[in-house]
Amino acid sequence: MTATEALRKQAKKYIDKADERSLRRINAILEIDSQEDFWDHLPDHVKNDVDEALKESAMGAGKTNAEVMKKYDKWRTK
């Protein structure tokens, strides 16, 4: 029996004995886990651009949101 099979067997035992509150929690976790991640649907070039921007930010490059908003705030108001 693989580790995954053993976990499934153990989880089924818990589920069979669980009260409604516990079952609702388990269900919520499983629903969240089954939702698709938008990241998986992005084109590779977009993922690469985001990764590069995060690296630059980690090295201190780039500007803060406050700096950008200060510069372009005049465009947002009429």
Protein backbone atom coordinates (compact mmCIF):
# COMPACT_ATOMS: atom_id res chain seq x y z
CA MET A 1 0.00 0.00 0.00
CA THR A 2 1.40 3.39 -1.00
CA ALA A 3 1.55 6.34 1.37
CA THR A 4 -1.26 8.03 -0.59
CA GLU A 5 -3.48 4.97 -0.32
CA ALA A 6 -2.83 4.79 3.42
CA LEU A 7 -3.77 8.46 3.83
CA ARG A 8 -6.99 7.94 1.87
CA LYS A 9 -7.90 4.96 4.03
CA GLN A 10 -7.25 6.91 7.23
CA ALA A 11 -9.18 9.96 5.96
CA LYS A 12 -12.18 7.77 5.10
CA LYS A 13 -12.20 6.40 8.65
CA TYR A 14 -12.26 9.94 10.07
CA ILE A 15 -15.00 11.03 7.66
CA ASP A 16 -17.19 8.06 8.54
CA LYS A 17 -17.08 9.07 12.23
CA ALA A 18 -17.08 12.86 11.82
CA ASP A 19 -19.88 15.10 13.03
CA GLU A 20 -21.57 17.67 10.77
CA ARG A 21 -19.29 20.53 11.86
CA SER A 22 -16.17 18.56 11.02
CA LEU A 23 -17.62 17.44 7.71
CA ARG A 24 -18.38 21.05 6.76
CA ARG A 25 -14.78 21.99 7.52
CA ILE A 26 -13.40 19.10 5.52
CA ASN A 27 -15.71 19.95 2.64
CA ALA A 28 -14.60 23.60 2.68
CA ILE A 29 -10.95 22.59 2.54
CA LEU A 30 -11.58 20.23 -0.35
CA GLU A 31 -13.57 22.85 -2.27
CA ILE A 32 -10.81 25.43 -1.89
CA ASP A 33 -8.19 22.90 -2.93
CA SER A 34 -10.13 21.93 -6.05
CA GLN A 35 -10.49 25.49 -7.37
CA GLU A 36 -8.32 26.30 -10.34
CA ASP A 37 -5.49 28.75 -9.90
CA PHE A 38 -5.52 31.60 -12.42
CA TRP A 39 -1.71 31.39 -12.53
CA ASP A 40 -1.96 28.05 -14.33
CA HIS A 41 -3.82 29.71 -17.21
CA LEU A 42 -1.43 32.61 -17.76
CA PRO A 43 0.86 32.51 -20.80
CA ASP A 44 4.49 31.67 -20.06
CA HIS A 45 5.70 35.14 -21.09
CA VAL A 46 3.41 36.74 -18.49
CA LYS A 47 4.60 34.35 -15.78
CA ASN A 48 8.21 35.15 -16.71
CA ASP A 49 7.52 38.91 -16.52
CA VAL A 50 5.93 38.56 -13.09
CA ASP A 51 8.81 36.41 -11.83
CA GLU A 52 11.33 38.95 -13.12
CA ALA A 53 9.46 41.83 -11.48
CA LEU A 54 9.39 39.97 -8.15
CA LYS A 55 13.15 39.36 -8.37
CA GLU A 56 13.80 43.03 -9.12
CA SER A 57 11.58 44.07 -6.24
CA ALA A 58 13.40 41.73 -3.86
CA MET A 59 16.67 43.41 -4.86
CA GLY A 60 15.23 46.84 -4.05
CA ALA A 61 14.59 47.90 -7.64
CA GLY A 62 11.34 49.49 -8.64
CA LYS A 63 9.11 52.01 -6.91
CA THR A 64 6.62 51.76 -4.10
CA ASN A 65 2.93 52.18 -4.73
CA ALA A 66 3.06 55.52 -2.87
CA GLU A 67 5.77 56.81 -5.24
CA VAL A 68 3.82 55.82 -8.31
CA MET A 69 0.55 57.25 -6.98
CA LYS A 70 2.23 60.56 -6.13
CA LYS A 71 3.56 60.88 -9.67
CA TYR A 72 0.32 59.96 -11.43
CA ASP A 73 -2.27 61.20 -8.92
CA LYS A 74 -2.97 64.27 -11.04
CA TRP A 75 -4.25 61.98 -13.82
CA ARG A 76 -6.74 60.27 -11.50
CA THR A 77 -8.59 63.42 -10.39
CA LYS A 78 -10.52 65.92 -12.44
